[in-house]
Amino acid sequence: MKAATVNEIKQTLNNLSAAELTTICLRLARYKKENKELITYLLYEADDLDAYIGHAKEEIDLGFGDINDSTVYFAKKGLRKILRAVNKYIRYTGSKTVEAELLLHYTARLSGMKLPLKKNTVLLNLYKGQLKKIRAAISTMHEDLQYDYLRQLAALEEAV
């Protein structure tokens, strides 16, 4: 089966009634957990980004609390798991501000851990990759916002 283009789907959805749209959305939500989470975000959380960011930061903090740091191997697995969740939160919003906020929080928590960032290449590359993503997100923002985020980023860059 060949998938339709986004434009074709948009035109078809414009021609459907509200009941048909509801049926399609509910069917989408039934098949994948990510679809259900996205619909939940769009319906209930998209209006209040500050609360959404706060909730996401709480989830990040809980994830860091659960990390098994007895060995670097287990710590890396836990860090990647948290980063997948962070990227999911970012993808739902599509906002560069949310991206910068969440990635800054993630890297600040990562630098605060007692892991050998400088001695372990994988951890160092993970950390530097997040700093690069933060810098890219900040570069698209308004100048006033850039100043605040760049100060936080500079503090994280000095930590390495």
Protein backbone atom coordinates (compact mmCIF):
# COMPACT_ATOMS: atom_id res chain seq x y z
CA MET A 1 0.00 0.00 0.00
CA LYS A 2 1.34 3.39 -0.99
CA ALA A 3 0.88 6.20 1.54
CA ALA A 4 -0.81 9.40 0.41
CA THR A 5 1.03 12.70 0.57
CA VAL A 6 0.40 15.16 3.38
CA ASN A 7 -1.32 17.52 0.96
CA GLU A 8 -3.71 14.80 -0.22
CA ILE A 9 -4.51 13.84 3.37
CA LYS A 10 -5.12 17.49 4.27
CA GLN A 11 -7.57 17.95 1.39
CA THR A 12 -9.44 14.78 2.30
CA LEU A 13 -9.65 15.72 5.98
CA ASN A 14 -11.07 19.14 5.05
CA ASN A 15 -13.97 17.37 3.29
CA LEU A 16 -14.88 15.13 6.25
CA SER A 17 -17.51 15.82 8.89
CA ALA A 18 -16.70 16.29 12.57
CA ALA A 19 -17.96 12.82 13.46
CA GLU A 20 -15.78 11.21 10.81
CA LEU A 21 -12.74 13.15 12.05
CA THR A 22 -13.42 11.99 15.60
CA THR A 23 -13.63 8.39 14.46
CA ILE A 24 -10.34 8.65 12.59
CA CYS A 25 -8.56 10.28 15.55
CA LEU A 26 -9.83 7.62 17.96
CA ARG A 27 -8.72 4.88 15.60
CA LEU A 28 -5.25 6.44 15.37
CA ALA A 29 -5.04 6.66 19.15
CA ARG A 30 -5.94 3.01 19.50
CA TYR A 31 -2.98 1.70 17.54
CA LYS A 32 0.07 3.41 18.96
CA LYS A 33 0.95 4.81 22.35
CA GLU A 34 2.83 7.73 20.77
CA ASN A 35 -0.25 8.75 18.78
CA LYS A 36 -2.30 8.74 21.98
CA GLU A 37 0.33 10.85 23.76
CA LEU A 38 0.40 13.35 20.90
CA ILE A 39 -3.39 13.66 20.86
CA THR A 40 -3.34 14.12 24.64
CA TYR A 41 -0.76 16.89 24.29
CA LEU A 42 -2.71 18.64 21.54
CA LEU A 43 -6.03 18.46 23.35
CA TYR A 44 -5.05 19.13 26.97
CA GLU A 45 -1.54 20.54 27.27
CA ALA A 46 -0.80 22.64 24.19
CA ASP A 47 -2.50 25.71 25.70
CA ASP A 48 -0.18 25.93 28.71
CA LEU A 49 3.44 25.41 27.60
CA ASP A 50 4.87 26.45 30.98
CA ALA A 51 2.98 23.66 32.75
CA TYR A 52 4.01 21.22 30.02
CA ILE A 53 7.67 22.19 30.42
CA GLY A 54 7.36 21.85 34.20
CA HIS A 55 5.84 18.39 33.83
CA ALA A 56 8.57 17.34 31.38
CA LYS A 57 11.28 18.60 33.75
CA GLU A 58 9.74 16.58 36.57
CA GLU A 59 9.85 13.48 34.36
CA ILE A 60 13.51 14.19 33.55
CA ASP A 61 14.30 14.56 37.25
CA LEU A 62 12.53 11.27 38.02
CA GLY A 63 14.53 9.59 35.27
CA PHE A 64 17.80 10.89 36.67
CA GLY A 65 16.76 9.64 40.10
CA ASP A 66 16.27 6.13 38.70
CA ILE A 67 19.64 5.94 36.91
CA ASN A 68 21.83 3.05 38.00
CA ASP A 69 25.24 4.72 38.22
CA SER A 70 27.07 1.71 39.64
CA THR A 71 28.74 1.26 36.25
CA VAL A 72 29.15 3.63 33.34
CA TYR A 73 27.44 1.13 31.02
CA PHE A 74 24.17 1.21 32.97
CA ALA A 75 24.41 4.97 33.37
CA LYS A 76 24.71 5.42 29.60
CA LYS A 77 21.67 3.23 29.01
CA GLY A 78 19.67 5.29 31.50
CA LEU A 79 20.83 8.58 30.01
CA ARG A 80 19.83 7.49 26.52
CA LYS A 81 16.41 6.42 27.79
CA ILE A 82 15.84 9.83 29.36
CA LEU A 83 17.06 11.56 26.20
CA ARG A 84 14.56 9.59 24.09
CA ALA A 85 11.76 10.83 26.33
CA VAL A 86 13.08 14.41 26.15
CA ASN A 87 13.19 14.26 22.35
CA LYS A 88 9.60 12.96 22.35
CA TYR A 89 8.46 15.93 24.45
CA ILE A 90 10.27 18.28 22.08
CA ARG A 91 8.80 16.64 18.99
CA TYR A 92 5.25 17.04 20.32
CA THR A 93 5.58 20.80 20.76
CA GLY A 94 7.71 21.69 17.76
CA SER A 95 8.88 24.77 19.66
CA LYS A 96 12.53 25.83 19.76
CA THR A 97 11.99 27.46 23.16
CA VAL A 98 10.75 24.20 24.65
CA GLU A 99 13.64 22.39 22.98
CA ALA A 100 16.19 24.74 24.50
CA GLU A 101 14.55 24.62 27.95
CA LEU A 102 14.37 20.83 28.13
CA LEU A 103 17.82 20.18 26.68
CA LEU A 104 19.37 22.76 29.02
CA HIS A 105 17.71 21.03 31.96
CA TYR A 106 18.89 17.61 30.73
CA THR A 107 22.50 18.71 30.24
CA ALA A 108 22.54 20.55 33.57
CA ARG A 109 21.41 17.38 35.33
CA LEU A 110 23.95 15.35 33.34
CA SER A 111 26.83 17.65 34.28
CA GLY A 112 25.71 17.51 37.92
CA MET A 113 26.08 13.73 38.04
CA LYS A 114 29.25 12.16 39.33
CA LEU A 115 30.05 10.44 36.05
CA PRO A 116 33.45 10.64 34.34
CA LEU A 117 32.32 12.81 31.42
CA LYS A 118 35.86 13.74 30.40
CA LYS A 119 37.20 10.20 30.64
CA ASN A 120 34.41 8.43 28.78
CA THR A 121 34.21 9.24 25.07
CA VAL A 122 30.57 8.16 24.67
CA LEU A 123 29.38 10.31 27.56
CA LEU A 124 31.44 13.27 26.37
CA ASN A 125 30.06 12.96 22.83
CA LEU A 126 26.52 12.68 24.20
CA TYR A 127 27.05 15.83 26.26
CA LYS A 128 28.65 17.79 23.41
CA GLY A 129 25.91 16.68 21.01
CA GLN A 130 23.26 18.09 23.31
CA LEU A 131 25.18 21.35 23.62
CA LYS A 132 25.26 21.56 19.82
CA LYS A 133 21.49 20.98 19.62
CA ILE A 134 20.91 23.66 22.24
CA ARG A 135 23.05 26.15 20.33
CA ALA A 136 21.12 25.41 17.11
CA ALA A 137 17.77 25.88 18.86
CA ILE A 138 18.87 29.13 20.49
CA SER A 139 20.11 30.57 17.20
CA THR A 140 16.55 30.61 15.81
CA MET A 141 15.09 32.56 18.75
CA HIS A 142 14.53 36.25 19.34
CA GLU A 143 17.62 38.16 20.52
CA ASP A 144 16.27 38.85 24.02
CA LEU A 145 15.61 35.17 24.63
CA GLN A 146 18.95 34.24 23.10
CA TYR A 147 20.86 36.22 25.71
CA ASP A 148 19.32 34.38 28.65
CA TYR A 149 19.74 30.95 27.12
CA LEU A 150 23.28 31.65 25.92
CA ARG A 151 24.31 32.49 29.49
CA GLN A 152 23.00 29.15 30.68
CA LEU A 153 24.69 27.39 27.76
CA ALA A 154 28.02 29.06 28.50
CA ALA A 155 27.88 27.80 32.08
CA LEU A 156 27.28 24.26 30.82
CA GLU A 157 30.12 24.50 28.30
CA GLU A 158 32.50 25.54 31.06
CA ALA A 159 31.53 22.47 33.08
CA VAL A 160 33.22 20.18 30.57
